[in-house]
Amino acid sequence: MPHVIVKLWPSKSEQQKQALSDFIAQGVMDHLGYGEGAISIGFDEVAADDWEDQVVKPDILGKWPSLSKQPGYVDPPS
């Protein structure tokens, strides 16, 4: 705990994902005080054609009040 899931379109290299993973883990350690052994990070690659159904609707619009950073490509739910 905590477990961070990054959802993104396919195409990023393993090196890019590892660099982001290292950056996120360091941020969690620095800002939340967890040790490295307590943090897990995963990547879910979602095709662009599936993004709205698999990410926007359930994870963005469906959880809007809990987002700490809202995307600029989606209008807030009404």
PDB file of N, CA and C in Angstrom:
ATOM      1  N   MET A   1       0.863  -1.167   0.000  1.00  0.00           N
ATOM      2  CA  MET A   1       0.000   0.000   0.000  1.00  0.00           C
ATOM      3  C   MET A   1       0.897   1.213   0.000  1.00  0.00           C
ATOM      4  N   PRO A   2       0.804   2.124  -0.847  1.00  0.00           N
ATOM      5  CA  PRO A   2      -0.215   2.262  -1.880  1.00  0.00           C
ATOM      6  C   PRO A   2       0.150   1.552  -3.186  1.00  0.00           C
ATOM      7  N   HIS A   3      -0.893   1.294  -3.974  1.00  0.00           N
ATOM      8  CA  HIS A   3      -0.733   0.722  -5.307  1.00  0.00           C
ATOM      9  C   HIS A   3      -1.197   1.772  -6.303  1.00  0.00           C
ATOM     10  N   VAL A   4      -0.355   2.104  -7.260  1.00  0.00           N
ATOM     11  CA  VAL A   4      -0.655   3.124  -8.261  1.00  0.00           C
ATOM     12  C   VAL A   4      -0.818   2.432  -9.610  1.00  0.00           C
ATOM     13  N   ILE A   5      -1.905   2.750 -10.303  1.00  0.00           N
ATOM     14  CA  ILE A   5      -2.132   2.215 -11.645  1.00  0.00           C
ATOM     15  C   ILE A   5      -2.088   3.374 -12.628  1.00  0.00           C
ATOM     16  N   VAL A   6      -1.250   3.248 -13.642  1.00  0.00           N
ATOM     17  CA  VAL A   6      -1.145   4.243 -14.702  1.00  0.00           C
ATOM     18  C   VAL A   6      -1.793   3.652 -15.940  1.00  0.00           C
ATOM     19  N   LYS A   7      -2.826   4.309 -16.436  1.00  0.00           N
ATOM     20  CA  LYS A   7      -3.487   3.866 -17.661  1.00  0.00           C
ATOM     21  C   LYS A   7      -3.030   4.784 -18.786  1.00  0.00           C
ATOM     22  N   LEU A   8      -2.631   4.184 -19.887  1.00  0.00           N
ATOM     23  CA  LEU A   8      -2.092   4.960 -21.000  1.00  0.00           C
ATOM     24  C   LEU A   8      -2.264   4.188 -22.288  1.00  0.00           C
ATOM     25  N   TRP A   9      -2.158   4.922 -23.395  1.00  0.00           N
ATOM     26  CA  TRP A   9      -2.189   4.270 -24.698  1.00  0.00           C
ATOM     27  C   TRP A   9      -0.915   3.451 -24.876  1.00  0.00           C
ATOM     28  N   PRO A  10      -0.997   2.360 -25.612  1.00  0.00           N
ATOM     29  CA  PRO A  10       0.215   1.587 -25.913  1.00  0.00           C
ATOM     30  C   PRO A  10       1.201   2.427 -26.724  1.00  0.00           C
ATOM     31  N   SER A  11       2.457   2.113 -26.631  1.00  0.00           N
ATOM     32  CA  SER A  11       3.524   2.703 -27.459  1.00  0.00           C
ATOM     33  C   SER A  11       4.695   3.216 -26.644  1.00  0.00           C
ATOM     34  N   LYS A  12       4.547   3.343 -25.356  1.00  0.00           N
ATOM     35  CA  LYS A  12       5.663   3.812 -24.554  1.00  0.00           C
ATOM     36  C   LYS A  12       6.628   2.649 -24.320  1.00  0.00           C
ATOM     37  N   SER A  13       7.904   2.946 -24.328  1.00  0.00           N
ATOM     38  CA  SER A  13       8.916   1.907 -24.154  1.00  0.00           C
ATOM     39  C   SER A  13       8.978   1.458 -22.689  1.00  0.00           C
ATOM     40  N   GLU A  14       9.588   0.295 -22.480  1.00  0.00           N
ATOM     41  CA  GLU A  14       9.789  -0.186 -21.115  1.00  0.00           C
ATOM     42  C   GLU A  14      10.672   0.787 -20.332  1.00  0.00           C
ATOM     43  N   GLN A  15      11.633   1.402 -21.004  1.00  0.00           N
ATOM     44  CA  GLN A  15      12.499   2.376 -20.336  1.00  0.00           C
ATOM     45  C   GLN A  15      11.697   3.602 -19.886  1.00  0.00           C
ATOM     46  N   GLN A  16      10.771   4.071 -20.726  1.00  0.00           N
ATOM     47  CA  GLN A  16       9.937   5.211 -20.353  1.00  0.00           C
ATOM     48  C   GLN A  16       9.044   4.857 -19.168  1.00  0.00           C
ATOM     49  N   LYS A  17       8.448   3.678 -19.211  1.00  0.00           N
ATOM     50  CA  LYS A  17       7.572   3.261 -18.122  1.00  0.00           C
ATOM     51  C   LYS A  17       8.364   3.055 -16.827  1.00  0.00           C
ATOM     52  N   GLN A  18       9.563   2.522 -16.919  1.00  0.00           N
ATOM     53  CA  GLN A  18      10.380   2.340 -15.715  1.00  0.00           C
ATOM     54  C   GLN A  18      10.786   3.686 -15.132  1.00  0.00           C
ATOM     55  N   ALA A  19      11.138   4.639 -15.992  1.00  0.00           N
ATOM     56  CA  ALA A  19      11.507   5.973 -15.506  1.00  0.00           C
ATOM     57  C   ALA A  19      10.319   6.639 -14.812  1.00  0.00           C
ATOM     58  N   LEU A  20       9.125   6.500 -15.381  1.00  0.00           N
ATOM     59  CA  LEU A  20       7.939   7.069 -14.743  1.00  0.00           C
ATOM     60  C   LEU A  20       7.652   6.353 -13.429  1.00  0.00           C
ATOM     61  N   SER A  21       7.787   5.050 -13.419  1.00  0.00           N
ATOM     62  CA  SER A  21       7.573   4.278 -12.199  1.00  0.00           C
ATOM     63  C   SER A  21       8.517   4.735 -11.090  1.00  0.00           C
ATOM     64  N   ASP A  22       9.789   4.915 -11.429  1.00  0.00           N
ATOM     65  CA  ASP A  22      10.760   5.396 -10.443  1.00  0.00           C
ATOM     66  C   ASP A  22      10.382   6.780  -9.921  1.00  0.00           C
ATOM     67  N   PHE A  23       9.937   7.657 -10.815  1.00  0.00           N
ATOM     68  CA  PHE A  23       9.546   9.020 -10.447  1.00  0.00           C
ATOM     69  C   PHE A  23       8.331   9.003  -9.514  1.00  0.00           C
ATOM     70  N   ILE A  24       7.330   8.197  -9.859  1.00  0.00           N
ATOM     71  CA  ILE A  24       6.127   8.099  -9.025  1.00  0.00           C
ATOM     72  C   ILE A  24       6.483   7.540  -7.653  1.00  0.00           C
ATOM     73  N   ALA A  25       7.271   6.464  -7.631  1.00  0.00           N
ATOM     74  CA  ALA A  25       7.650   5.857  -6.348  1.00  0.00           C
ATOM     75  C   ALA A  25       8.383   6.858  -5.470  1.00  0.00           C
ATOM     76  N   GLN A  26       9.295   7.617  -6.052  1.00  0.00           N
ATOM     77  CA  GLN A  26      10.020   8.618  -5.272  1.00  0.00           C
ATOM     78  C   GLN A  26       9.069   9.678  -4.734  1.00  0.00           C
ATOM     79  N   GLY A  27       8.109  10.087  -5.542  1.00  0.00           N
ATOM     80  CA  GLY A  27       7.119  11.062  -5.085  1.00  0.00           C
ATOM     81  C   GLY A  27       6.273  10.542  -3.938  1.00  0.00           C
ATOM     82  N   VAL A  28       5.873   9.287  -4.024  1.00  0.00           N
ATOM     83  CA  VAL A  28       5.102   8.681  -2.940  1.00  0.00           C
ATOM     84  C   VAL A  28       5.945   8.629  -1.663  1.00  0.00           C
ATOM     85  N   MET A  29       7.199   8.246  -1.795  1.00  0.00           N
ATOM     86  CA  MET A  29       8.063   8.201  -0.613  1.00  0.00           C
ATOM     87  C   MET A  29       8.274   9.586  -0.031  1.00  0.00           C
ATOM     88  N   ASP A  30       8.545  10.568  -0.881  1.00  0.00           N
ATOM     89  CA  ASP A  30       8.828  11.928  -0.413  1.00  0.00           C
ATOM     90  C   ASP A  30       7.611  12.606   0.204  1.00  0.00           C
ATOM     91  N   HIS A  31       6.454  12.426  -0.407  1.00  0.00           N
ATOM     92  CA  HIS A  31       5.282  13.201   0.002  1.00  0.00           C
ATOM     93  C   HIS A  31       4.333  12.471   0.946  1.00  0.00           C
ATOM     94  N   LEU A  32       4.353  11.137   0.903  1.00  0.00           N
ATOM     95  CA  LEU A  32       3.438  10.395   1.761  1.00  0.00           C
ATOM     96  C   LEU A  32       4.144   9.611   2.858  1.00  0.00           C
ATOM     97  N   GLY A  33       5.456   9.534   2.775  1.00  0.00           N
ATOM     98  CA  GLY A  33       6.220   8.917   3.844  1.00  0.00           C
ATOM     99  C   GLY A  33       6.281   7.400   3.836  1.00  0.00           C
ATOM    100  N   TYR A  34       5.866   6.759   2.754  1.00  0.00           N
ATOM    101  CA  TYR A  34       5.963   5.306   2.669  1.00  0.00           C
ATOM    102  C   TYR A  34       7.365   4.899   2.262  1.00  0.00           C
ATOM    103  N   GLY A  35       7.778   3.715   2.698  1.00  0.00           N
ATOM    104  CA  GLY A  35       9.040   3.162   2.263  1.00  0.00           C
ATOM    105  C   GLY A  35       8.892   2.508   0.904  1.00  0.00           C
ATOM    106  N   GLU A  36      10.007   2.336   0.215  1.00  0.00           N
ATOM    107  CA  GLU A  36       9.979   1.776  -1.135  1.00  0.00           C
ATOM    108  C   GLU A  36       9.308   0.409  -1.189  1.00  0.00           C
ATOM    109  N   GLY A  37       9.497  -0.396  -0.163  1.00  0.00           N
ATOM    110  CA  GLY A  37       8.914  -1.728  -0.142  1.00  0.00           C
ATOM    111  C   GLY A  37       7.401  -1.758  -0.028  1.00  0.00           C
ATOM    112  N   ALA A  38       6.796  -0.632   0.320  1.00  0.00           N
ATOM    113  CA  ALA A  38       5.344  -0.564   0.477  1.00  0.00           C
ATOM    114  C   ALA A  38       4.625  -0.144  -0.802  1.00  0.00           C
ATOM    115  N   ILE A  39       5.377   0.252  -1.812  1.00  0.00           N
ATOM    116  CA  ILE A  39       4.783   0.843  -3.021  1.00  0.00           C
ATOM    117  C   ILE A  39       4.805  -0.156  -4.164  1.00  0.00           C
ATOM    118  N   SER A  40       3.668  -0.254  -4.861  1.00  0.00           N
ATOM    119  CA  SER A  40       3.622  -1.027  -6.104  1.00  0.00           C
ATOM    120  C   SER A  40       3.009  -0.150  -7.188  1.00  0.00           C
ATOM    121  N   ILE A  41       3.465  -0.345  -8.412  1.00  0.00           N
ATOM    122  CA  ILE A  41       3.019   0.470  -9.542  1.00  0.00           C
ATOM    123  C   ILE A  41       2.796  -0.452 -10.728  1.00  0.00           C
ATOM    124  N   GLY A  42       1.660  -0.281 -11.394  1.00  0.00           N
ATOM    125  CA  GLY A  42       1.348  -1.079 -12.575  1.00  0.00           C
ATOM    126  C   GLY A  42       0.938  -0.190 -13.727  1.00  0.00           C
ATOM    127  N   PHE A  43       1.069  -0.716 -14.927  1.00  0.00           N
ATOM    128  CA  PHE A  43       0.680   0.002 -16.134  1.00  0.00           C
ATOM    129  C   PHE A  43      -0.383  -0.804 -16.868  1.00  0.00           C
ATOM    130  N   ASP A  44      -1.497  -0.166 -17.195  1.00  0.00           N
ATOM    131  CA  ASP A  44      -2.543  -0.760 -18.017  1.00  0.00           C
ATOM    132  C   ASP A  44      -2.559  -0.024 -19.335  1.00  0.00           C
ATOM    133  N   GLU A  45      -2.206  -0.714 -20.400  1.00  0.00           N
ATOM    134  CA  GLU A  45      -2.241  -0.110 -21.729  1.00  0.00           C
ATOM    135  C   GLU A  45      -3.632  -0.308 -22.319  1.00  0.00           C
ATOM    136  N   VAL A  46      -4.247   0.799 -22.725  1.00  0.00           N
ATOM    137  CA  VAL A  46      -5.602   0.792 -23.255  1.00  0.00           C
ATOM    138  C   VAL A  46      -5.565   1.415 -24.647  1.00  0.00           C
ATOM    139  N   ALA A  47      -6.075   0.704 -25.621  1.00  0.00           N
ATOM    140  CA  ALA A  47      -6.095   1.207 -26.994  1.00  0.00           C
ATOM    141  C   ALA A  47      -6.931   2.483 -27.076  1.00  0.00           C
ATOM    142  N   ALA A  48      -6.543   3.377 -27.967  1.00  0.00           N
ATOM    143  CA  ALA A  48      -7.244   4.656 -28.125  1.00  0.00           C
ATOM    144  C   ALA A  48      -8.735   4.449 -28.386  1.00  0.00           C
ATOM    145  N   ASP A  49      -9.070   3.447 -29.173  1.00  0.00           N
ATOM    146  CA  ASP A  49     -10.483   3.181 -29.487  1.00  0.00           C
ATOM    147  C   ASP A  49     -11.279   2.728 -28.263  1.00  0.00           C
ATOM    148  N   ASP A  50     -10.601   2.222 -27.259  1.00  0.00           N
ATOM    149  CA  ASP A  50     -11.270   1.737 -26.048  1.00  0.00           C
ATOM    150  C   ASP A  50     -11.191   2.720 -24.884  1.00  0.00           C
ATOM    151  N   TRP A  51     -10.478   3.825 -25.072  1.00  0.00           N
ATOM    152  CA  TRP A  51     -10.199   4.757 -23.980  1.00  0.00           C
ATOM    153  C   TRP A  51     -11.466   5.277 -23.310  1.00  0.00           C
ATOM    154  N   GLU A  52     -12.447   5.699 -24.094  1.00  0.00           N
ATOM    155  CA  GLU A  52     -13.659   6.271 -23.504  1.00  0.00           C
ATOM    156  C   GLU A  52     -14.396   5.248 -22.646  1.00  0.00           C
ATOM    157  N   ASP A  53     -14.591   4.039 -23.173  1.00  0.00           N
ATOM    158  CA  ASP A  53     -15.344   3.027 -22.436  1.00  0.00           C
ATOM    159  C   ASP A  53     -14.578   2.447 -21.255  1.00  0.00           C
ATOM    160  N   GLN A  54     -13.258   2.303 -21.379  1.00  0.00           N
ATOM    161  CA  GLN A  54     -12.480   1.639 -20.337  1.00  0.00           C
ATOM    162  C   GLN A  54     -11.834   2.590 -19.332  1.00  0.00           C
ATOM    163  N   VAL A  55     -11.730   3.881 -19.702  1.00  0.00           N
ATOM    164  CA  VAL A  55     -11.071   4.827 -18.786  1.00  0.00           C
ATOM    165  C   VAL A  55     -11.953   6.039 -18.491  1.00  0.00           C
ATOM    166  N   VAL A  56     -12.386   6.738 -19.526  1.00  0.00           N
ATOM    167  CA  VAL A  56     -13.127   7.989 -19.299  1.00  0.00           C
ATOM    168  C   VAL A  56     -14.397   7.752 -18.487  1.00  0.00           C
ATOM    169  N   LYS A  57     -15.222   6.849 -18.937  1.00  0.00           N
ATOM    170  CA  LYS A  57     -16.504   6.641 -18.240  1.00  0.00           C
ATOM    171  C   LYS A  57     -16.327   6.095 -16.826  1.00  0.00           C
ATOM    172  N   PRO A  58     -15.600   4.975 -16.640  1.00  0.00           N
ATOM    173  CA  PRO A  58     -15.534   4.447 -15.269  1.00  0.00           C
ATOM    174  C   PRO A  58     -14.570   5.170 -14.329  1.00  0.00           C
ATOM    175  N   ASP A  59     -13.428   5.589 -14.838  1.00  0.00           N
ATOM    176  CA  ASP A  59     -12.366   6.091 -13.945  1.00  0.00           C
ATOM    177  C   ASP A  59     -12.285   7.606 -13.855  1.00  0.00           C
ATOM    178  N   ILE A  60     -12.795   8.300 -14.861  1.00  0.00           N
ATOM    179  CA  ILE A  60     -12.736   9.768 -14.828  1.00  0.00           C
ATOM    180  C   ILE A  60     -14.111  10.331 -14.482  1.00  0.00           C
ATOM    181  N   LEU A  61     -15.086  10.125 -15.352  1.00  0.00           N
ATOM    182  CA  LEU A  61     -16.419  10.657 -15.067  1.00  0.00           C
ATOM    183  C   LEU A  61     -17.039   9.973 -13.851  1.00  0.00           C
ATOM    184  N   GLY A  62     -16.826   8.674 -13.727  1.00  0.00           N
ATOM    185  CA  GLY A  62     -17.408   7.926 -12.620  1.00  0.00           C
ATOM    186  C   GLY A  62     -16.781   8.224 -11.272  1.00  0.00           C
ATOM    187  N   LYS A  63     -15.613   8.833 -11.270  1.00  0.00           N
ATOM    188  CA  LYS A  63     -14.915   9.142 -10.015  1.00  0.00           C
ATOM    189  C   LYS A  63     -14.493  10.612  -9.959  1.00  0.00           C
ATOM    190  N   TRP A  64     -15.200  11.451 -10.669  1.00  0.00           N
ATOM    191  CA  TRP A  64     -14.840  12.872 -10.791  1.00  0.00           C
ATOM    192  C   TRP A  64     -14.551  13.542  -9.450  1.00  0.00           C
ATOM    193  N   PRO A  65     -15.415  13.373  -8.431  1.00  0.00           N
ATOM    194  CA  PRO A  65     -15.162  14.072  -7.162  1.00  0.00           C
ATOM    195  C   PRO A  65     -13.837  13.677  -6.491  1.00  0.00           C
ATOM    196  N   SER A  66     -13.329  12.485  -6.795  1.00  0.00           N
ATOM    197  CA  SER A  66     -12.106  12.050  -6.125  1.00  0.00           C
ATOM    198  C   SER A  66     -10.847  12.328  -6.933  1.00  0.00           C
ATOM    199  N   LEU A  67     -10.984  12.881  -8.143  1.00  0.00           N
ATOM    200  CA  LEU A  67      -9.803  13.182  -8.951  1.00  0.00           C
ATOM    201  C   LEU A  67      -9.054  14.370  -8.355  1.00  0.00           C
ATOM    202  N   SER A  68      -7.753  14.257  -8.252  1.00  0.00           N
ATOM    203  CA  SER A  68      -6.956  15.391  -7.791  1.00  0.00           C
ATOM    204  C   SER A  68      -6.458  16.225  -8.953  1.00  0.00           C
ATOM    205  N   LYS A  69      -6.567  15.697 -10.166  1.00  0.00           N
ATOM    206  CA  LYS A  69      -6.206  16.416 -11.396  1.00  0.00           C
ATOM    207  C   LYS A  69      -7.200  15.980 -12.464  1.00  0.00           C
ATOM    208  N   GLN A  70      -8.046  16.909 -12.907  1.00  0.00           N
ATOM    209  CA  GLN A  70      -9.019  16.606 -13.942  1.00  0.00           C
ATOM    210  C   GLN A  70      -8.412  16.863 -15.317  1.00  0.00           C
ATOM    211  N   PRO A  71      -8.753  16.016 -16.294  1.00  0.00           N
ATOM    212  CA  PRO A  71      -8.212  16.215 -17.636  1.00  0.00           C
ATOM    213  C   PRO A  71      -8.928  17.374 -18.338  1.00  0.00           C
ATOM    214  N   GLY A  72      -8.228  17.987 -19.263  1.00  0.00           N
ATOM    215  CA  GLY A  72      -8.804  19.083 -20.031  1.00  0.00           C
ATOM    216  C   GLY A  72      -9.595  18.610 -21.239  1.00  0.00           C
ATOM    217  N   TYR A  73      -9.586  17.309 -21.515  1.00  0.00           N
ATOM    218  CA  TYR A  73     -10.281  16.798 -22.687  1.00  0.00           C
ATOM    219  C   TYR A  73     -11.659  16.227 -22.375  1.00  0.00           C
ATOM    220  N   VAL A  74     -12.098  16.358 -21.127  1.00  0.00           N
ATOM    221  CA  VAL A  74     -13.399  15.849 -20.711  1.00  0.00           C
ATOM    222  C   VAL A  74     -14.139  16.959 -19.977  1.00  0.00           C
ATOM    223  N   ASP A  75     -15.405  17.154 -20.312  1.00  0.00           N
ATOM    224  CA  ASP A  75     -16.222  18.117 -19.584  1.00  0.00           C
ATOM    225  C   ASP A  75     -16.656  17.484 -18.258  1.00  0.00           C
ATOM    226  N   PRO A  76     -16.709  18.285 -17.208  1.00  0.00           N
ATOM    227  CA  PRO A  76     -17.152  17.753 -15.915  1.00  0.00           C
ATOM    228  C   PRO A  76     -18.577  17.197 -16.018  1.00  0.00           C
ATOM    229  N   PRO A  77     -18.868  16.158 -15.271  1.00  0.00           N
ATOM    230  CA  PRO A  77     -20.244  15.636 -15.296  1.00  0.00           C
ATOM    231  C   PRO A  77     -21.207  16.663 -14.709  1.00  0.00           C
ATOM    232  N   SER A  78     -22.405  16.629 -15.224  1.00  0.00           N
ATOM    233  CA  SER A  78     -23.399  17.600 -14.711  1.00  0.00           C
ATOM    234  C   SER A  78     -24.357  16.970 -13.764  1.00  0.00           C
TER     235      SER A  78
END
